[in-house]
Structure formats: C-alpha cells, structure tokens
Amino acid sequence: MQLGINLGYWGAGMDADNLAVAKEADRLGYAVCWAAEAYGSDAATVLTWVAAQTERIDVGSAIFQIPARQPAMTAMTAATLDSLSGGRFRLGLGVSGPQVSEGWYGVKFDKPLARTREYVEIVRKAMTRERLSYEGEHWTLPLPGGPGKPIKLTVHPQREHIPLYIAAIGPKNLEQTGEIADGALLIFPAAEHLEETALRHLRAGREKAGKTMEGFDVVPTVPLAVGADDQVDALADMFRPYTALYVGGMGSRKQNFYNQLARRMGYEKEAAEIQDKYLAGDKEGAAAAVPRQLIDSTTLLGSVDRIADRMQAYAAAGVTTLTLSPAGFTLEDRMAALRAGTEALERAGLA
C-alpha cells in the first residue's frame, strides 16, 4: 500500500505551509499529492505550482469538477500537466454536487452517471491524439451544421496513458467507476465498512468490463492526527466540525451524498440529527452530535502503533493508496504527522 497526501483547498491562509508539506512528502517518498477545488482555488494551477517545486511525487486532481470544464479542455490540461511534470500527473474527476454545479457553474445537475461516462470517453479519446469526433446525449463534437471540424490534440503527454480516477460515493457511481476508470477516490472510508460501501460495487463494475481489481487503485482520503492513545478522544474532537460539515451541510436535505454514506454505515439516526441541526444553523450542535466512533473509524488517530494497526486494516480491506490529510495547529505538527505516516506504514509492514 502506498501513501498519498491531500492538500485540500488552496487560499485558506496556509499556502506556504501547504507547499512545504508537499515538498516534505516528496522527500519522504509519498506516492502522490492531491489538490481539490470547489468554488475557490482551482486544482490545475495549484498542481502546476507543486509539480514545479517537487521532484518525484505524482500530482493529482482530487478533483477537477466535470461541470467546470468542457471535456476537451480537461484533456488539454491533463496532457499539459503530464508533460510539464515529466509524467507525474493523475487525472481525478467528479461531478461535484447540485448546489455547486447549478449555483456556481450554471450547469444542470442531471443524469450525472451518463454525463460522467460521456465525459470520460471524450477525455480518453482526445488524449489518444486522434481526431476528435463524438456523438452522445450530452456532447456532440463537432457541432452539426456548422464550421467545426474534427481536431486532434497537439500536445504530447509524457505517457501514452494518464491514470484516470473518479470520485465516487453512491453504489451506482462506484460501479460505473470500476467499469470506466483506473481508480476510485473515496471519502469517509471506514475499513470495516469498505467492502459493503465501496469495494463490492467497484468489483461489480470491473467484472462488467471484463476486468479484475488487479491494477485498480482504491484511494480513500483519511485525516491524520498524531498523539498519545489516551488523547484519541481529544484528537477526534478536532474533526467534529469537518465531519458535521459534510454529513450535515454538504448539499441539500434531499441530496447529500455524505449523509447517505453515513446512513449506509449504520448511523442513520445520527446522520439525520446532524443534518437537522446543521441546516437549522446549529453547527456546534451538529458537531457535538457526530458519533466518536464515526470519526475514529474514518480517520487515523493516536500513536504510531495505533495508526499502523489501522493502516493494516485498510490494506486488508483492499486499499492500494491511502491518502493522508495531516492535521496540526502548526506547520511542524503537520510535518511530524507526515513523518509518523511513513513510520506507521513501515511498522505495519506495508512499505
């Protein structure tokens, strides 16, 4: 099992620290550095900056939002980043959510599975550098009856095949991801629930495509906080607002994929309470309602030995790249967490 690092969103006042974290992860031998985008910083610019100041670590989009870019533009960006980084780019895609898609980008959030499938097909076709033509429900290239003509990508990526990942949460999305992608980006992963909430759906998609899970990258992101084992409760409290935001407020009452995931993990009553309080404006109450076990099972908390045990559980569940989000009040805290991650991986016998 490899380790990755997730820098999250840029522009929160810690940009210099984030670059230092990326460079330290590169020095320590982390496999990949991911950057996110929502409606602030864009991931492509951040990844270019990181790639220019690192040497070995891959850089990955987690994610490029599908409603934000036409698929041919994504192919251009992927090819450019792969070329500039010397073959170190990983393309992560996702549909975002209805509030961002429709409120920020003005793109209707309908038929996300079909839209994703077409998008991936166009991106892959464009990156083969054949002349681009496509007929689908959501995209037709070139547009009929006009001056457009099939054009091919002029940039040469460093590699013939750039790994393509999809951020997936729901069962149908997970199955399609297994069918059409090279890897899955997961969030709030509990090792003990991973088979039922993700792996069996991914496996079904792989089988549908006539493939096995061999070579398919399962990439959950987990927050990491290091401390003594008797401090685990206090460490878990650090992530209450984060968990409450996603389970309670990331999306509407009817369409919150993270809330639905928590329910599938057995926290149906708690997920409802968190959402009720968060949407009513009681963010502190929502955070207090998050079960400690939900946090503990979806993060890495405590001593290096305790973290190593959890890493073994993730590896046994089928994780191939474990992406860490190191928490800390200072840059040195985050650096220490990074080093603890590599030490735990070695103690777990997974390096």
Protein backbone atom coordinates (compact mmCIF):
# COMPACT_ATOMS: atom_id res chain seq x y z
CA MET A 1 0.00 0.00 0.00
CA GLN A 2 1.29 3.43 -0.96
CA LEU A 3 0.73 6.74 0.82
CA GLY A 4 -0.56 9.96 -0.66
CA ILE A 5 -1.07 13.45 0.69
CA ASN A 6 -4.14 15.65 0.21
CA LEU A 7 -3.60 19.41 0.39
CA GLY A 8 -7.31 20.18 0.23
CA TYR A 9 -8.32 23.65 -0.94
CA TRP A 10 -5.83 26.42 -1.57
CA GLY A 11 -6.17 30.02 -0.41
CA ALA A 12 -7.08 29.39 3.23
CA GLY A 13 -4.06 31.31 4.53
CA MET A 14 -1.72 28.30 4.73
CA ASP A 15 -0.43 28.22 1.16
CA ALA A 16 3.26 28.45 2.07
CA ASP A 17 2.75 25.71 4.65
CA ASN A 18 0.96 23.53 2.10
CA LEU A 19 3.87 23.82 -0.31
CA ALA A 20 6.27 22.88 2.48
CA VAL A 21 4.09 19.86 3.29
CA ALA A 22 4.11 18.80 -0.37
CA LYS A 23 7.90 19.11 -0.57
CA GLU A 24 8.34 17.11 2.63
CA ALA A 25 6.01 14.41 1.32
CA ASP A 26 8.13 14.31 -1.82
CA ARG A 27 11.28 13.90 0.28
CA LEU A 28 9.69 11.14 2.37
CA GLY A 29 8.68 9.12 -0.69
CA TYR A 30 4.91 9.68 -0.70
CA ALA A 31 3.45 8.46 -3.98
CA VAL A 32 1.06 11.29 -4.88
CA CYS A 33 -0.01 14.78 -3.82
CA TRP A 34 -3.65 15.63 -4.48
CA ALA A 35 -5.29 19.06 -4.63
CA ALA A 36 -9.01 19.87 -4.58
CA GLU A 37 -11.29 22.56 -6.00
CA ALA A 38 -14.80 23.68 -5.16
CA TYR A 39 -15.58 27.38 -5.76
CA GLY A 40 -12.29 28.94 -4.71
CA SER A 41 -8.87 27.83 -5.85
CA ASP A 42 -8.64 25.71 -8.99
CA ALA A 43 -6.68 22.48 -8.81
CA ALA A 44 -4.77 22.81 -12.10
CA THR A 45 -2.90 25.96 -11.05
CA VAL A 46 -2.05 24.52 -7.63
CA LEU A 47 -0.78 21.26 -9.10
CA THR A 48 1.38 23.10 -11.60
CA TRP A 49 2.96 25.09 -8.76
CA VAL A 50 3.57 21.97 -6.69
CA ALA A 51 4.92 19.98 -9.64
CA ALA A 52 7.42 22.73 -10.42
CA GLN A 53 8.86 22.55 -6.90
CA THR A 54 8.95 18.79 -6.34
CA GLU A 55 10.92 16.01 -7.99
CA ARG A 56 9.37 12.56 -7.63
CA ILE A 57 5.89 12.76 -6.18
CA ASP A 58 2.92 12.48 -8.55
CA VAL A 59 0.42 15.35 -8.60
CA GLY A 60 -3.28 14.58 -8.89
CA SER A 61 -6.58 16.42 -9.18
CA ALA A 62 -9.00 15.40 -6.48
CA ILE A 63 -10.94 16.56 -8.25
CA PHE A 64 -11.36 18.51 -11.48
CA GLN A 65 -15.08 19.27 -11.45
CA ILE A 66 -16.87 17.99 -14.54
CA PRO A 67 -19.34 20.92 -14.77
CA ALA A 68 -16.44 23.39 -14.66
CA ARG A 69 -14.75 22.36 -17.91
CA GLN A 70 -15.57 21.03 -21.31
CA PRO A 71 -14.04 17.54 -21.64
CA ALA A 72 -11.62 18.61 -24.40
CA MET A 73 -10.28 21.33 -22.08
CA THR A 74 -9.70 18.73 -19.38
CA ALA A 75 -7.79 16.60 -21.88
CA MET A 76 -5.65 19.64 -22.77
CA THR A 77 -4.94 20.38 -19.10
CA ALA A 78 -4.12 16.75 -18.32
CA ALA A 79 -1.75 16.45 -21.27
CA THR A 80 -0.04 19.74 -20.40
CA LEU A 81 0.38 18.87 -16.73
CA ASP A 82 1.72 15.43 -17.56
CA SER A 83 4.23 16.93 -19.97
CA LEU A 84 5.36 19.72 -17.62
CA SER A 85 5.68 17.36 -14.64
CA GLY A 86 7.65 14.73 -16.51
CA GLY A 87 4.87 12.13 -16.42
CA ARG A 88 3.70 12.69 -12.85
CA PHE A 89 0.07 13.71 -13.34
CA ARG A 90 -3.02 11.76 -12.25
CA LEU A 91 -6.41 12.93 -13.50
CA GLY A 92 -9.19 12.81 -10.92
CA LEU A 93 -12.71 13.77 -11.98
CA GLY A 94 -16.04 14.25 -10.22
CA VAL A 95 -19.48 15.69 -10.87
CA SER A 96 -19.39 17.90 -7.74
CA GLY A 97 -22.87 18.44 -6.29
CA PRO A 98 -26.10 20.08 -7.41
CA GLN A 99 -25.61 23.29 -5.42
CA VAL A 100 -22.16 23.99 -6.89
CA SER A 101 -22.93 22.66 -10.37
CA GLU A 102 -26.08 24.72 -10.78
CA GLY A 103 -25.31 27.65 -8.47
CA TRP A 104 -21.68 28.30 -9.43
CA TYR A 105 -21.27 26.88 -12.92
CA GLY A 106 -24.83 27.17 -14.22
CA VAL A 107 -24.76 23.55 -15.34
CA LYS A 108 -27.85 21.42 -14.71
CA PHE A 109 -27.13 18.55 -12.31
CA ASP A 110 -29.00 15.90 -14.23
CA LYS A 111 -28.05 12.40 -15.30
CA PRO A 112 -24.65 12.56 -13.56
CA LEU A 113 -23.76 8.96 -14.42
CA ALA A 114 -24.40 9.34 -18.13
CA ARG A 115 -22.66 12.71 -18.16
CA THR A 116 -19.60 11.25 -16.43
CA ARG A 117 -19.41 8.31 -18.82
CA GLU A 118 -19.53 10.55 -21.89
CA TYR A 119 -17.03 12.96 -20.35
CA VAL A 120 -14.53 10.17 -19.67
CA GLU A 121 -14.96 8.77 -23.17
CA ILE A 122 -14.24 12.16 -24.75
CA VAL A 123 -11.25 12.87 -22.49
CA ARG A 124 -9.72 9.48 -23.21
CA LYS A 125 -10.32 9.83 -26.95
CA ALA A 126 -8.82 13.32 -27.04
CA MET A 127 -5.70 12.18 -25.18
CA THR A 128 -5.06 9.45 -27.75
CA ARG A 129 -4.41 12.35 -30.17
CA GLU A 130 -6.80 11.02 -32.79
CA ARG A 131 -9.12 13.50 -34.45
CA LEU A 132 -11.94 14.17 -32.02
CA SER A 133 -15.49 13.38 -33.00
CA TYR A 134 -18.22 12.19 -30.65
CA GLU A 135 -21.97 11.70 -30.68
CA GLY A 136 -23.68 11.43 -27.31
CA GLU A 137 -26.64 12.67 -25.33
CA HIS A 138 -24.69 15.46 -23.63
CA TRP A 139 -21.91 16.25 -26.11
CA THR A 140 -21.71 16.18 -29.88
CA LEU A 141 -18.35 17.01 -31.45
CA PRO A 142 -18.07 18.73 -33.85
CA LEU A 143 -21.40 20.55 -33.62
CA PRO A 144 -23.54 19.57 -36.60
CA GLY A 145 -24.31 22.02 -39.37
CA GLY A 146 -21.54 24.46 -38.53
CA PRO A 147 -17.93 25.26 -39.35
CA GLY A 148 -16.46 22.92 -36.76
CA LYS A 149 -14.29 20.02 -37.84
CA PRO A 150 -12.59 17.13 -36.02
CA ILE A 151 -9.34 18.38 -34.47
CA LYS A 152 -6.62 16.45 -32.70
CA LEU A 153 -4.66 17.40 -29.58
CA THR A 154 -1.31 18.99 -30.46
CA VAL A 155 0.32 18.48 -27.04
CA HIS A 156 2.20 15.23 -26.50
CA PRO A 157 1.67 13.90 -22.96
CA GLN A 158 4.69 12.33 -21.33
CA ARG A 159 2.85 9.00 -21.14
CA GLU A 160 0.53 7.23 -23.54
CA HIS A 161 -1.94 6.54 -20.71
CA ILE A 162 -2.59 9.08 -17.95
CA PRO A 163 -4.27 7.39 -14.95
CA LEU A 164 -7.89 8.48 -14.63
CA TYR A 165 -9.74 8.44 -11.30
CA ILE A 166 -13.34 9.23 -10.40
CA ALA A 167 -14.58 10.49 -7.03
CA ALA A 168 -17.44 8.16 -6.16
CA ILE A 169 -19.72 7.68 -3.17
CA GLY A 170 -23.02 6.14 -4.25
CA PRO A 171 -23.37 2.48 -5.31
CA LYS A 172 -24.20 3.21 -8.96
CA ASN A 173 -21.40 5.74 -9.31
CA LEU A 174 -18.96 3.31 -7.69
CA GLU A 175 -19.96 0.54 -10.08
CA GLN A 176 -19.53 2.79 -13.10
CA THR A 177 -16.18 3.97 -11.73
CA GLY A 178 -14.98 0.40 -11.54
CA GLU A 179 -16.08 -0.09 -15.13
CA ILE A 180 -14.58 3.00 -16.79
CA ALA A 181 -11.77 4.36 -14.57
CA ASP A 182 -8.30 3.38 -13.39
CA GLY A 183 -9.02 4.22 -9.77
CA ALA A 184 -11.60 5.48 -7.28
CA LEU A 185 -11.27 8.46 -4.95
CA LEU A 186 -13.17 7.74 -1.73
CA ILE A 187 -14.05 9.86 1.29
CA PHE A 188 -15.08 8.93 4.85
CA PRO A 189 -13.78 5.38 4.45
CA ALA A 190 -14.18 3.02 7.40
CA ALA A 191 -12.06 -0.09 6.87
CA GLU A 192 -14.67 -2.32 8.47
CA HIS A 193 -17.39 -0.99 6.11
CA LEU A 194 -15.32 -0.61 2.95
CA GLU A 195 -16.40 -3.88 1.37
CA GLU A 196 -20.12 -3.17 1.69
CA THR A 197 -19.98 0.59 1.00
CA ALA A 198 -17.46 0.63 -1.88
CA LEU A 199 -15.44 -2.44 -2.85
CA ARG A 200 -18.29 -4.73 -3.87
CA HIS A 201 -19.69 -2.04 -6.17
CA LEU A 202 -16.29 -1.29 -7.69
CA ARG A 203 -15.72 -5.01 -8.20
CA ALA A 204 -19.06 -5.35 -9.96
CA GLY A 205 -18.06 -2.61 -12.36
CA ARG A 206 -14.71 -4.23 -13.05
CA GLU A 207 -16.44 -7.53 -13.78
CA LYS A 208 -18.86 -5.75 -16.09
CA ALA A 209 -15.86 -4.51 -18.07
CA GLY A 210 -14.29 -7.99 -18.06
CA LYS A 211 -11.59 -6.96 -15.60
CA THR A 212 -10.46 -7.80 -12.07
CA MET A 213 -9.43 -5.44 -9.29
CA GLU A 214 -5.77 -6.03 -10.15
CA GLY A 215 -4.19 -2.73 -11.12
CA PHE A 216 -7.22 -0.72 -10.00
CA ASP A 217 -6.23 1.98 -7.48
CA VAL A 218 -8.52 2.30 -4.43
CA VAL A 219 -7.71 5.70 -2.92
CA PRO A 220 -9.52 6.84 0.23
CA THR A 221 -8.60 10.10 1.94
CA VAL A 222 -8.27 9.99 5.73
CA PRO A 223 -7.43 12.81 8.15
CA LEU A 224 -4.39 12.07 10.34
CA ALA A 225 -3.67 13.37 13.85
CA VAL A 226 -0.83 12.01 15.98
CA GLY A 227 -0.78 11.84 19.78
CA ALA A 228 -0.86 9.51 22.74
CA ASP A 229 -3.52 6.81 22.70
CA ASP A 230 -5.17 8.36 25.75
CA GLN A 231 -5.67 11.52 23.69
CA VAL A 232 -7.73 9.87 20.96
CA ASP A 233 -10.99 11.45 22.14
CA ALA A 234 -9.44 14.91 22.05
CA LEU A 235 -7.92 14.22 18.64
CA ALA A 236 -11.29 13.04 17.35
CA ASP A 237 -12.86 16.30 18.52
CA MET A 238 -10.61 18.16 16.05
CA PHE A 239 -12.56 16.60 13.19
CA ARG A 240 -16.09 17.12 14.50
CA PRO A 241 -16.68 20.34 12.53
CA TYR A 242 -15.26 18.72 9.36
CA THR A 243 -17.49 15.65 9.66
CA ALA A 244 -20.54 17.74 10.56
CA LEU A 245 -19.98 19.98 7.54
CA TYR A 246 -20.03 17.07 5.11
CA VAL A 247 -22.68 14.90 6.76
CA GLY A 248 -24.88 17.83 7.73
CA GLY A 249 -24.34 20.64 5.30
CA MET A 250 -22.66 19.50 2.09
CA GLY A 251 -25.67 19.57 -0.18
CA SER A 252 -29.39 19.87 0.38
CA ARG A 253 -31.56 17.78 2.67
CA LYS A 254 -32.60 15.63 -0.28
CA GLN A 255 -29.20 15.40 -1.98
CA ASN A 256 -26.33 14.99 0.46
CA PHE A 257 -24.16 12.08 -0.68
CA TYR A 258 -22.10 12.11 2.52
CA ASN A 259 -25.16 11.94 4.70
CA GLN A 260 -26.37 8.95 2.68
CA LEU A 261 -22.98 7.28 3.12
CA ALA A 262 -23.13 7.73 6.90
CA ARG A 263 -26.56 6.12 6.88
CA ARG A 264 -25.23 3.14 4.88
CA MET A 265 -22.53 2.75 7.54
CA GLY A 266 -25.19 2.29 10.20
CA TYR A 267 -25.52 5.85 11.50
CA GLU A 268 -28.99 6.57 10.18
CA LYS A 269 -30.39 8.23 13.31
CA GLU A 270 -27.19 10.17 13.98
CA ALA A 271 -26.90 11.33 10.36
CA ALA A 272 -30.45 12.69 10.50
CA GLU A 273 -29.74 14.56 13.74
CA ILE A 274 -26.50 16.04 12.39
CA GLN A 275 -28.26 17.24 9.25
CA ASP A 276 -31.25 18.66 11.12
CA LYS A 277 -29.01 20.71 13.41
CA TYR A 278 -26.62 21.83 10.71
CA LEU A 279 -29.35 23.00 8.34
CA ALA A 280 -31.05 24.81 11.24
CA GLY A 281 -27.84 26.80 11.76
CA ASP A 282 -26.72 24.95 14.90
CA LYS A 283 -23.25 23.99 13.68
CA GLU A 284 -21.91 23.41 17.19
CA GLY A 285 -24.82 21.13 17.97
CA ALA A 286 -24.27 19.26 14.71
CA ALA A 287 -20.60 18.76 15.55
CA ALA A 288 -21.47 17.53 19.03
CA ALA A 289 -23.91 15.02 17.52
CA VAL A 290 -21.22 13.32 15.41
CA PRO A 291 -20.54 9.89 16.97
CA ARG A 292 -17.00 9.48 18.18
CA GLN A 293 -16.84 6.05 16.52
CA LEU A 294 -17.74 7.53 13.13
CA ILE A 295 -14.77 9.89 13.39
CA ASP A 296 -12.38 7.27 14.76
CA SER A 297 -13.24 4.75 12.06
CA THR A 298 -12.74 7.23 9.20
CA THR A 299 -9.51 8.86 10.44
CA LEU A 300 -6.08 7.86 11.71
CA LEU A 301 -5.72 8.96 15.32
CA GLY A 302 -3.30 8.32 18.16
CA SER A 303 0.14 6.79 18.42
CA VAL A 304 2.23 5.50 15.53
CA ASP A 305 1.45 1.93 16.62
CA ARG A 306 -2.30 2.60 16.69
CA ILE A 307 -2.11 4.24 13.27
CA ALA A 308 -0.10 1.27 11.97
CA ASP A 309 -2.85 -1.08 13.11
CA ARG A 310 -5.44 0.99 11.27
CA MET A 311 -3.28 1.04 8.15
CA GLN A 312 -3.15 -2.75 8.23
CA ALA A 313 -6.94 -2.80 8.38
CA TYR A 314 -7.20 -0.51 5.36
CA ALA A 315 -4.73 -2.61 3.38
CA ALA A 316 -6.59 -5.80 4.29
CA ALA A 317 -9.85 -4.17 3.17
CA GLY A 318 -8.43 -3.51 -0.30
CA VAL A 319 -6.96 0.00 -0.16
CA THR A 320 -3.99 0.44 -2.50
CA THR A 321 -3.17 4.14 -1.96
CA LEU A 322 -4.02 5.66 1.41
CA THR A 323 -4.19 9.45 1.12
CA LEU A 324 -3.49 11.34 4.33
CA SER A 325 -4.65 14.81 5.37
CA PRO A 326 -2.25 15.64 8.20
CA ALA A 327 -3.81 17.86 10.85
CA GLY A 328 -1.99 20.18 13.21
CA PHE A 329 -2.02 23.66 14.65
CA THR A 330 1.45 24.44 13.30
CA LEU A 331 3.48 23.53 10.25
CA GLU A 332 5.76 21.43 12.44
CA ASP A 333 2.74 19.48 13.70
CA ARG A 334 1.79 18.65 10.11
CA MET A 335 5.36 17.74 9.22
CA ALA A 336 5.55 15.45 12.24
CA ALA A 337 2.28 13.83 11.17
CA LEU A 338 3.73 13.20 7.70
CA ARG A 339 6.78 11.52 9.20
CA ALA A 340 4.55 9.50 11.52
CA GLY A 341 2.62 8.30 8.47
CA THR A 342 5.72 6.82 6.85
CA GLU A 343 6.85 5.33 10.17
CA ALA A 344 3.45 3.73 10.71
CA LEU A 345 3.47 2.28 7.19
CA GLU A 346 6.85 0.66 7.90
CA ARG A 347 5.70 -0.70 11.28
CA ALA A 348 2.64 -2.12 9.61
CA GLY A 349 4.91 -3.98 7.21
CA LEU A 350 3.30 -2.28 4.20
CA ALA A 351 6.15 -0.08 2.92
